[in-house]
Amino acid sequence: MGPSFVENWTQIHPNLAKDSVGLGGRSKETINRKWDKLAICLNSHGSGATKNGQCWRRVSLCYILLFILLSWLIHNFYNCAESYFSL
């Protein structure tokens, strides 16, 4: 089980990546249950960390935020380099 497993899981359950389901008051319960199911799959791998759904959720959100930050930095670096070299 590797990154492709988590990628496939988030494609099947896209609302996990957005951290919302859109079911009103039951959204939080539904999201928590899905993260708990994903945690069981991730923990069953046997190597690496063993966490509950909430801990895996935090890790996932940190990676998403890191990806957004890196994308922003790369975009801004490219724009700065482009304007510098075009002079």
PDB file of N, CA and C in Angstrom:
ATOM      1  N   MET A   1       0.858  -1.170   0.000  1.00  0.00           N
ATOM      2  CA  MET A   1       0.000   0.000   0.000  1.00  0.00           C
ATOM      3  C   MET A   1       0.902   1.230   0.000  1.00  0.00           C
ATOM      4  N   GLY A   2       0.679   2.125  -0.913  1.00  0.00           N
ATOM      5  CA  GLY A   2       1.518   3.298  -1.006  1.00  0.00           C
ATOM      6  C   GLY A   2       0.705   4.535  -1.303  1.00  0.00           C
ATOM      7  N   PRO A   3       1.372   5.567  -1.801  1.00  0.00           N
ATOM      8  CA  PRO A   3       0.671   6.812  -2.116  1.00  0.00           C
ATOM      9  C   PRO A   3      -0.472   6.622  -3.101  1.00  0.00           C
ATOM     10  N   SER A   4      -0.341   5.650  -4.012  1.00  0.00           N
ATOM     11  CA  SER A   4      -1.414   5.444  -4.988  1.00  0.00           C
ATOM     12  C   SER A   4      -2.694   4.977  -4.309  1.00  0.00           C
ATOM     13  N   PHE A   5      -2.569   4.206  -3.202  1.00  0.00           N
ATOM     14  CA  PHE A   5      -3.756   3.766  -2.464  1.00  0.00           C
ATOM     15  C   PHE A   5      -4.506   4.971  -1.913  1.00  0.00           C
ATOM     16  N   VAL A   6      -3.776   5.894  -1.278  1.00  0.00           N
ATOM     17  CA  VAL A   6      -4.410   7.082  -0.702  1.00  0.00           C
ATOM     18  C   VAL A   6      -4.979   7.957  -1.812  1.00  0.00           C
ATOM     19  N   GLU A   7      -4.262   8.061  -2.922  1.00  0.00           N
ATOM     20  CA  GLU A   7      -4.751   8.841  -4.061  1.00  0.00           C
ATOM     21  C   GLU A   7      -6.049   8.245  -4.590  1.00  0.00           C
ATOM     22  N   ASN A   8      -6.101   6.922  -4.742  1.00  0.00           N
ATOM     23  CA  ASN A   8      -7.328   6.269  -5.207  1.00  0.00           C
ATOM     24  C   ASN A   8      -8.463   6.481  -4.218  1.00  0.00           C
ATOM     25  N   TRP A   9      -8.150   6.390  -2.935  1.00  0.00           N
ATOM     26  CA  TRP A   9      -9.171   6.564  -1.898  1.00  0.00           C
ATOM     27  C   TRP A   9      -9.759   7.970  -1.980  1.00  0.00           C
ATOM     28  N   THR A  10      -8.897   8.981  -2.144  1.00  0.00           N
ATOM     29  CA  THR A  10      -9.406  10.353  -2.212  1.00  0.00           C
ATOM     30  C   THR A  10     -10.147  10.620  -3.519  1.00  0.00           C
ATOM     31  N   GLN A  11      -9.850   9.855  -4.572  1.00  0.00           N
ATOM     32  CA  GLN A  11     -10.627   9.993  -5.806  1.00  0.00           C
ATOM     33  C   GLN A  11     -12.012   9.388  -5.628  1.00  0.00           C
ATOM     34  N   ILE A  12     -12.090   8.286  -4.884  1.00  0.00           N
ATOM     35  CA  ILE A  12     -13.382   7.657  -4.619  1.00  0.00           C
ATOM     36  C   ILE A  12     -14.197   8.504  -3.643  1.00  0.00           C
ATOM     37  N   HIS A  13     -13.512   9.112  -2.674  1.00  0.00           N
ATOM     38  CA  HIS A  13     -14.160   9.934  -1.647  1.00  0.00           C
ATOM     39  C   HIS A  13     -13.598  11.358  -1.724  1.00  0.00           C
ATOM     40  N   PRO A  14     -13.927  12.121  -2.767  1.00  0.00           N
ATOM     41  CA  PRO A  14     -13.317  13.445  -2.946  1.00  0.00           C
ATOM     42  C   PRO A  14     -13.636  14.422  -1.823  1.00  0.00           C
ATOM     43  N   ASN A  15     -14.738  14.208  -1.122  1.00  0.00           N
ATOM     44  CA  ASN A  15     -15.102  15.131  -0.054  1.00  0.00           C
ATOM     45  C   ASN A  15     -14.166  15.050   1.140  1.00  0.00           C
ATOM     46  N   LEU A  16     -13.408  13.948   1.248  1.00  0.00           N
ATOM     47  CA  LEU A  16     -12.435  13.863   2.333  1.00  0.00           C
ATOM     48  C   LEU A  16     -11.342  14.903   2.142  1.00  0.00           C
ATOM     49  N   ALA A  17     -10.926  15.102   0.918  1.00  0.00           N
ATOM     50  CA  ALA A  17      -9.879  16.087   0.648  1.00  0.00           C
ATOM     51  C   ALA A  17     -10.372  17.496   0.945  1.00  0.00           C
ATOM     52  N   LYS A  18     -11.657  17.737   0.720  1.00  0.00           N
ATOM     53  CA  LYS A  18     -12.232  19.050   1.001  1.00  0.00           C
ATOM     54  C   LYS A  18     -12.653  19.169   2.455  1.00  0.00           C
ATOM     55  N   ASP A  19     -12.668  18.044   3.176  1.00  0.00           N
ATOM     56  CA  ASP A  19     -13.061  18.000   4.581  1.00  0.00           C
ATOM     57  C   ASP A  19     -14.532  18.363   4.771  1.00  0.00           C
ATOM     58  N   SER A  20     -15.369  18.036   3.773  1.00  0.00           N
ATOM     59  CA  SER A  20     -16.800  18.287   3.901  1.00  0.00           C
ATOM     60  C   SER A  20     -17.565  17.295   3.042  1.00  0.00           C
ATOM     61  N   VAL A  21     -18.800  17.056   3.424  1.00  0.00           N
ATOM     62  CA  VAL A  21     -19.640  16.132   2.671  1.00  0.00           C
ATOM     63  C   VAL A  21     -20.877  16.834   2.139  1.00  0.00           C
ATOM     64  N   GLY A  22     -21.377  17.816   2.854  1.00  0.00           N
ATOM     65  CA  GLY A  22     -22.562  18.529   2.412  1.00  0.00           C
ATOM     66  C   GLY A  22     -23.852  17.874   2.854  1.00  0.00           C
ATOM     67  N   LEU A  23     -23.814  17.195   3.997  1.00  0.00           N
ATOM     68  CA  LEU A  23     -25.013  16.548   4.514  1.00  0.00           C
ATOM     69  C   LEU A  23     -25.574  17.295   5.717  1.00  0.00           C
ATOM     70  N   GLY A  24     -25.288  18.555   5.824  1.00  0.00           N
ATOM     71  CA  GLY A  24     -25.785  19.340   6.943  1.00  0.00           C
ATOM     72  C   GLY A  24     -25.122  18.931   8.248  1.00  0.00           C
ATOM     73  N   GLY A  25     -25.937  18.713   9.273  1.00  0.00           N
ATOM     74  CA  GLY A  25     -25.425  18.385  10.597  1.00  0.00           C
ATOM     75  C   GLY A  25     -24.725  17.044  10.675  1.00  0.00           C
ATOM     76  N   ARG A  26     -25.010  16.148   9.718  1.00  0.00           N
ATOM     77  CA  ARG A  26     -24.390  14.820   9.748  1.00  0.00           C
ATOM     78  C   ARG A  26     -23.060  14.776   9.012  1.00  0.00           C
ATOM     79  N   SER A  27     -22.647  15.878   8.415  1.00  0.00           N
ATOM     80  CA  SER A  27     -21.399  15.891   7.646  1.00  0.00           C
ATOM     81  C   SER A  27     -20.211  15.471   8.490  1.00  0.00           C
ATOM     82  N   LYS A  28     -20.112  16.025   9.693  1.00  0.00           N
ATOM     83  CA  LYS A  28     -18.961  15.733  10.546  1.00  0.00           C
ATOM     84  C   LYS A  28     -18.910  14.249  10.895  1.00  0.00           C
ATOM     85  N   GLU A  29     -20.060  13.667  11.221  1.00  0.00           N
ATOM     86  CA  GLU A  29     -20.106  12.236  11.550  1.00  0.00           C
ATOM     87  C   GLU A  29     -19.697  11.389  10.348  1.00  0.00           C
ATOM     88  N   THR A  30     -20.197  11.741   9.180  1.00  0.00           N
ATOM     89  CA  THR A  30     -19.882  10.987   7.964  1.00  0.00           C
ATOM     90  C   THR A  30     -18.402  11.078   7.643  1.00  0.00           C
ATOM     91  N   ILE A  31     -17.843  12.276   7.722  1.00  0.00           N
ATOM     92  CA  ILE A  31     -16.408  12.462   7.464  1.00  0.00           C
ATOM     93  C   ILE A  31     -15.596  11.647   8.465  1.00  0.00           C
ATOM     94  N   ASN A  32     -15.954  11.717   9.748  1.00  0.00           N
ATOM     95  CA  ASN A  32     -15.209  10.974  10.772  1.00  0.00           C
ATOM     96  C   ASN A  32     -15.250   9.475  10.510  1.00  0.00           C
ATOM     97  N   ARG A  33     -16.418   8.955  10.115  1.00  0.00           N
ATOM     98  CA  ARG A  33     -16.529   7.522   9.818  1.00  0.00           C
ATOM     99  C   ARG A  33     -15.653   7.132   8.632  1.00  0.00           C
ATOM    100  N   LYS A  34     -15.632   7.972   7.592  1.00  0.00           N
ATOM    101  CA  LYS A  34     -14.804   7.665   6.421  1.00  0.00           C
ATOM    102  C   LYS A  34     -13.323   7.710   6.774  1.00  0.00           C
ATOM    103  N   TRP A  35     -12.913   8.681   7.596  1.00  0.00           N
ATOM    104  CA  TRP A  35     -11.510   8.736   8.018  1.00  0.00           C
ATOM    105  C   TRP A  35     -11.159   7.533   8.884  1.00  0.00           C
ATOM    106  N   ASP A  36     -12.103   7.087   9.724  1.00  0.00           N
ATOM    107  CA  ASP A  36     -11.850   5.896  10.546  1.00  0.00           C
ATOM    108  C   ASP A  36     -11.692   4.657   9.668  1.00  0.00           C
ATOM    109  N   LYS A  37     -12.507   4.551   8.605  1.00  0.00           N
ATOM    110  CA  LYS A  37     -12.365   3.427   7.664  1.00  0.00           C
ATOM    111  C   LYS A  37     -11.017   3.467   6.960  1.00  0.00           C
ATOM    112  N   LEU A  38     -10.620   4.654   6.526  1.00  0.00           N
ATOM    113  CA  LEU A  38      -9.325   4.810   5.871  1.00  0.00           C
ATOM    114  C   LEU A  38      -8.197   4.483   6.842  1.00  0.00           C
ATOM    115  N   ALA A  39      -8.335   4.883   8.105  1.00  0.00           N
ATOM    116  CA  ALA A  39      -7.308   4.593   9.115  1.00  0.00           C
ATOM    117  C   ALA A  39      -7.132   3.090   9.288  1.00  0.00           C
ATOM    118  N   ILE A  40      -8.217   2.338   9.271  1.00  0.00           N
ATOM    119  CA  ILE A  40      -8.126   0.876   9.394  1.00  0.00           C
ATOM    120  C   ILE A  40      -7.314   0.310   8.235  1.00  0.00           C
ATOM    121  N   CYS A  41      -7.588   0.795   7.025  1.00  0.00           N
ATOM    122  CA  CYS A  41      -6.834   0.325   5.850  1.00  0.00           C
ATOM    123  C   CYS A  41      -5.362   0.699   5.949  1.00  0.00           C
ATOM    124  N   LEU A  42      -5.080   1.942   6.323  1.00  0.00           N
ATOM    125  CA  LEU A  42      -3.694   2.400   6.412  1.00  0.00           C
ATOM    126  C   LEU A  42      -2.941   1.681   7.524  1.00  0.00           C
ATOM    127  N   ASN A  43      -3.601   1.470   8.658  1.00  0.00           N
ATOM    128  CA  ASN A  43      -2.949   0.811   9.792  1.00  0.00           C
ATOM    129  C   ASN A  43      -2.725  -0.672   9.541  1.00  0.00           C
ATOM    130  N   SER A  44      -3.515  -1.282   8.664  1.00  0.00           N
ATOM    131  CA  SER A  44      -3.390  -2.719   8.406  1.00  0.00           C
ATOM    132  C   SER A  44      -2.150  -3.049   7.587  1.00  0.00           C
ATOM    133  N   HIS A  45      -1.477  -2.040   7.081  1.00  0.00           N
ATOM    134  CA  HIS A  45      -0.288  -2.260   6.258  1.00  0.00           C
ATOM    135  C   HIS A  45       0.798  -2.966   7.047  1.00  0.00           C
ATOM    136  N   GLY A  46       0.912  -2.684   8.335  1.00  0.00           N
ATOM    137  CA  GLY A  46       1.877  -3.392   9.173  1.00  0.00           C
ATOM    138  C   GLY A  46       3.182  -2.664   9.397  1.00  0.00           C
ATOM    139  N   SER A  47       3.561  -1.767   8.517  1.00  0.00           N
ATOM    140  CA  SER A  47       4.777  -0.991   8.745  1.00  0.00           C
ATOM    141  C   SER A  47       4.405   0.483   8.792  1.00  0.00           C
ATOM    142  N   GLY A  48       5.149   1.234   9.539  1.00  0.00           N
ATOM    143  CA  GLY A  48       4.874   2.660   9.642  1.00  0.00           C
ATOM    144  C   GLY A  48       3.986   2.982  10.821  1.00  0.00           C
ATOM    145  N   ALA A  49       3.387   4.143  10.766  1.00  0.00           N
ATOM    146  CA  ALA A  49       2.603   4.661  11.881  1.00  0.00           C
ATOM    147  C   ALA A  49       1.242   3.985  11.975  1.00  0.00           C
ATOM    148  N   THR A  50       0.751   3.892  13.205  1.00  0.00           N
ATOM    149  CA  THR A  50      -0.603   3.422  13.471  1.00  0.00           C
ATOM    150  C   THR A  50      -1.339   4.572  14.140  1.00  0.00           C
ATOM    151  N   LYS A  51      -2.371   5.070  13.495  1.00  0.00           N
ATOM    152  CA  LYS A  51      -3.088   6.244  13.985  1.00  0.00           C
ATOM    153  C   LYS A  51      -4.582   6.029  13.844  1.00  0.00           C
ATOM    154  N   ASN A  52      -5.344   6.809  14.612  1.00  0.00           N
ATOM    155  CA  ASN A  52      -6.792   6.777  14.431  1.00  0.00           C
ATOM    156  C   ASN A  52      -7.170   7.707  13.277  1.00  0.00           C
ATOM    157  N   GLY A  53      -8.437   7.744  12.946  1.00  0.00           N
ATOM    158  CA  GLY A  53      -8.889   8.533  11.803  1.00  0.00           C
ATOM    159  C   GLY A  53      -8.569  10.011  11.922  1.00  0.00           C
ATOM    160  N   GLN A  54      -8.711  10.561  13.131  1.00  0.00           N
ATOM    161  CA  GLN A  54      -8.445  11.984  13.325  1.00  0.00           C
ATOM    162  C   GLN A  54      -6.973  12.323  13.106  1.00  0.00           C
ATOM    163  N   CYS A  55      -6.079  11.444  13.537  1.00  0.00           N
ATOM    164  CA  CYS A  55      -4.642  11.694  13.339  1.00  0.00           C
ATOM    165  C   CYS A  55      -4.273  11.616  11.863  1.00  0.00           C
ATOM    166  N   TRP A  56      -4.809  10.618  11.149  1.00  0.00           N
ATOM    167  CA  TRP A  56      -4.546  10.534   9.709  1.00  0.00           C
ATOM    168  C   TRP A  56      -5.122  11.750   8.999  1.00  0.00           C
ATOM    169  N   ARG A  57      -6.251  12.224   9.469  1.00  0.00           N
ATOM    170  CA  ARG A  57      -6.887  13.404   8.878  1.00  0.00           C
ATOM    171  C   ARG A  57      -5.967  14.615   9.001  1.00  0.00           C
ATOM    172  N   ARG A  58      -5.379  14.814  10.184  1.00  0.00           N
ATOM    173  CA  ARG A  58      -4.462  15.939  10.386  1.00  0.00           C
ATOM    174  C   ARG A  58      -3.248  15.827   9.479  1.00  0.00           C
ATOM    175  N   VAL A  59      -2.698  14.619   9.368  1.00  0.00           N
ATOM    176  CA  VAL A  59      -1.537  14.408   8.498  1.00  0.00           C
ATOM    177  C   VAL A  59      -1.900  14.759   7.062  1.00  0.00           C
ATOM    178  N   SER A  60      -3.052  14.292   6.608  1.00  0.00           N
ATOM    179  CA  SER A  60      -3.499  14.557   5.241  1.00  0.00           C
ATOM    180  C   SER A  60      -3.662  16.048   4.993  1.00  0.00           C
ATOM    181  N   LEU A  61      -4.299  16.745   5.927  1.00  0.00           N
ATOM    182  CA  LEU A  61      -4.511  18.178   5.754  1.00  0.00           C
ATOM    183  C   LEU A  61      -3.186  18.932   5.747  1.00  0.00           C
ATOM    184  N   CYS A  62      -2.214  18.473   6.535  1.00  0.00           N
ATOM    185  CA  CYS A  62      -0.885  19.106   6.522  1.00  0.00           C
ATOM    186  C   CYS A  62      -0.227  18.944   5.158  1.00  0.00           C
ATOM    187  N   TYR A  63      -0.341  17.748   4.565  1.00  0.00           N
ATOM    188  CA  TYR A  63       0.232  17.533   3.233  1.00  0.00           C
ATOM    189  C   TYR A  63      -0.457  18.395   2.181  1.00  0.00           C
ATOM    190  N   ILE A  64      -1.756  18.546   2.292  1.00  0.00           N
ATOM    191  CA  ILE A  64      -2.490  19.385   1.347  1.00  0.00           C
ATOM    192  C   ILE A  64      -2.024  20.835   1.463  1.00  0.00           C
ATOM    193  N   LEU A  65      -1.899  21.322   2.710  1.00  0.00           N
ATOM    194  CA  LEU A  65      -1.435  22.695   2.911  1.00  0.00           C
ATOM    195  C   LEU A  65      -0.003  22.875   2.418  1.00  0.00           C
ATOM    196  N   LEU A  66       0.845  21.871   2.652  1.00  0.00           N
ATOM    197  CA  LEU A  66       2.225  21.935   2.173  1.00  0.00           C
ATOM    198  C   LEU A  66       2.263  21.984   0.645  1.00  0.00           C
ATOM    199  N   PHE A  67       1.435  21.177  -0.002  1.00  0.00           N
ATOM    200  CA  PHE A  67       1.363  21.172  -1.461  1.00  0.00           C
ATOM    201  C   PHE A  67       0.929  22.538  -1.991  1.00  0.00           C
ATOM    202  N   ILE A  68      -0.075  23.136  -1.347  1.00  0.00           N
ATOM    203  CA  ILE A  68      -0.552  24.455  -1.768  1.00  0.00           C
ATOM    204  C   ILE A  68       0.559  25.492  -1.610  1.00  0.00           C
ATOM    205  N   LEU A  69       1.267  25.439  -0.477  1.00  0.00           N
ATOM    206  CA  LEU A  69       2.355  26.386  -0.241  1.00  0.00           C
ATOM    207  C   LEU A  69       3.468  26.220  -1.273  1.00  0.00           C
ATOM    208  N   LEU A  70       3.865  24.980  -1.535  1.00  0.00           N
ATOM    209  CA  LEU A  70       4.916  24.740  -2.524  1.00  0.00           C
ATOM    210  C   LEU A  70       4.491  25.184  -3.919  1.00  0.00           C
ATOM    211  N   SER A  71       3.251  24.935  -4.275  1.00  0.00           N
ATOM    212  CA  SER A  71       2.745  25.370  -5.581  1.00  0.00           C
ATOM    213  C   SER A  71       2.810  26.887  -5.701  1.00  0.00           C
ATOM    214  N   TRP A  72       2.423  27.571  -4.634  1.00  0.00           N
ATOM    215  CA  TRP A  72       2.462  29.026  -4.628  1.00  0.00           C
ATOM    216  C   TRP A  72       3.898  29.530  -4.761  1.00  0.00           C
ATOM    217  N   LEU A  73       4.829  28.919  -4.005  1.00  0.00           N
ATOM    218  CA  LEU A  73       6.232  29.330  -4.071  1.00  0.00           C
ATOM    219  C   LEU A  73       6.823  29.110  -5.464  1.00  0.00           C
ATOM    220  N   ILE A  74       6.539  27.965  -6.052  1.00  0.00           N
ATOM    221  CA  ILE A  74       7.050  27.672  -7.396  1.00  0.00           C
ATOM    222  C   ILE A  74       6.482  28.659  -8.408  1.00  0.00           C
ATOM    223  N   HIS A  75       5.198  28.926  -8.314  1.00  0.00           N
ATOM    224  CA  HIS A  75       4.552  29.871  -9.228  1.00  0.00           C
ATOM    225  C   HIS A  75       5.196  31.252  -9.109  1.00  0.00           C
ATOM    226  N   ASN A  76       5.380  31.723  -7.871  1.00  0.00           N
ATOM    227  CA  ASN A  76       5.971  33.050  -7.672  1.00  0.00           C
ATOM    228  C   ASN A  76       7.432  33.084  -8.093  1.00  0.00           C
ATOM    229  N   PHE A  77       8.172  32.015  -7.845  1.00  0.00           N
ATOM    230  CA  PHE A  77       9.566  31.960  -8.272  1.00  0.00           C
ATOM    231  C   PHE A  77       9.649  32.026  -9.792  1.00  0.00           C
ATOM    232  N   TYR A  78       8.785  31.287 -10.457  1.00  0.00           N
ATOM    233  CA  TYR A  78       8.763  31.291 -11.925  1.00  0.00           C
ATOM    234  C   TYR A  78       8.469  32.691 -12.455  1.00  0.00           C
ATOM    235  N   ASN A  79       7.481  33.357 -11.854  1.00  0.00           N
ATOM    236  CA  ASN A  79       7.140  34.713 -12.302  1.00  0.00           C
ATOM    237  C   ASN A  79       8.290  35.684 -12.068  1.00  0.00           C
ATOM    238  N   CYS A  80       8.969  35.573 -10.922  1.00  0.00           N
ATOM    239  CA  CYS A  80      10.114  36.452 -10.640  1.00  0.00           C
ATOM    240  C   CYS A  80      11.248  36.185 -11.622  1.00  0.00           C
ATOM    241  N   ALA A  81      11.547  34.922 -11.861  1.00  0.00           N
ATOM    242  CA  ALA A  81      12.630  34.570 -12.782  1.00  0.00           C
ATOM    243  C   ALA A  81      12.305  35.031 -14.193  1.00  0.00           C
ATOM    244  N   GLU A  82      11.065  34.875 -14.590  1.00  0.00           N
ATOM    245  CA  GLU A  82      10.655  35.289 -15.931  1.00  0.00           C
ATOM    246  C   GLU A  82      10.808  36.795 -16.104  1.00  0.00           C
ATOM    247  N   SER A  83      10.393  37.571 -15.113  1.00  0.00           N
ATOM    248  CA  SER A  83      10.515  39.028 -15.227  1.00  0.00           C
ATOM    249  C   SER A  83      11.975  39.464 -15.131  1.00  0.00           C
ATOM    250  N   TYR A  84      12.788  38.767 -14.361  1.00  0.00           N
ATOM    251  CA  TYR A  84      14.204  39.114 -14.218  1.00  0.00           C
ATOM    252  C   TYR A  84      14.962  38.865 -15.520  1.00  0.00           C
ATOM    253  N   PHE A  85      14.723  37.712 -16.126  1.00  0.00           N
ATOM    254  CA  PHE A  85      15.465  37.357 -17.333  1.00  0.00           C
ATOM    255  C   PHE A  85      14.933  38.038 -18.591  1.00  0.00           C
ATOM    256  N   SER A  86      13.732  38.572 -18.535  1.00  0.00           N
ATOM    257  CA  SER A  86      13.191  39.240 -19.719  1.00  0.00           C
ATOM    258  C   SER A  86      13.694  40.674 -19.837  1.00  0.00           C
ATOM    259  N   LEU A  87      14.364  41.167 -18.800  1.00  0.00           N
ATOM    260  CA  LEU A  87      14.886  42.542 -18.855  1.00  0.00           C
ATOM    261  C   LEU A  87      16.028  42.661 -19.759  1.00  0.00           C
TER     262      LEU A  87
END
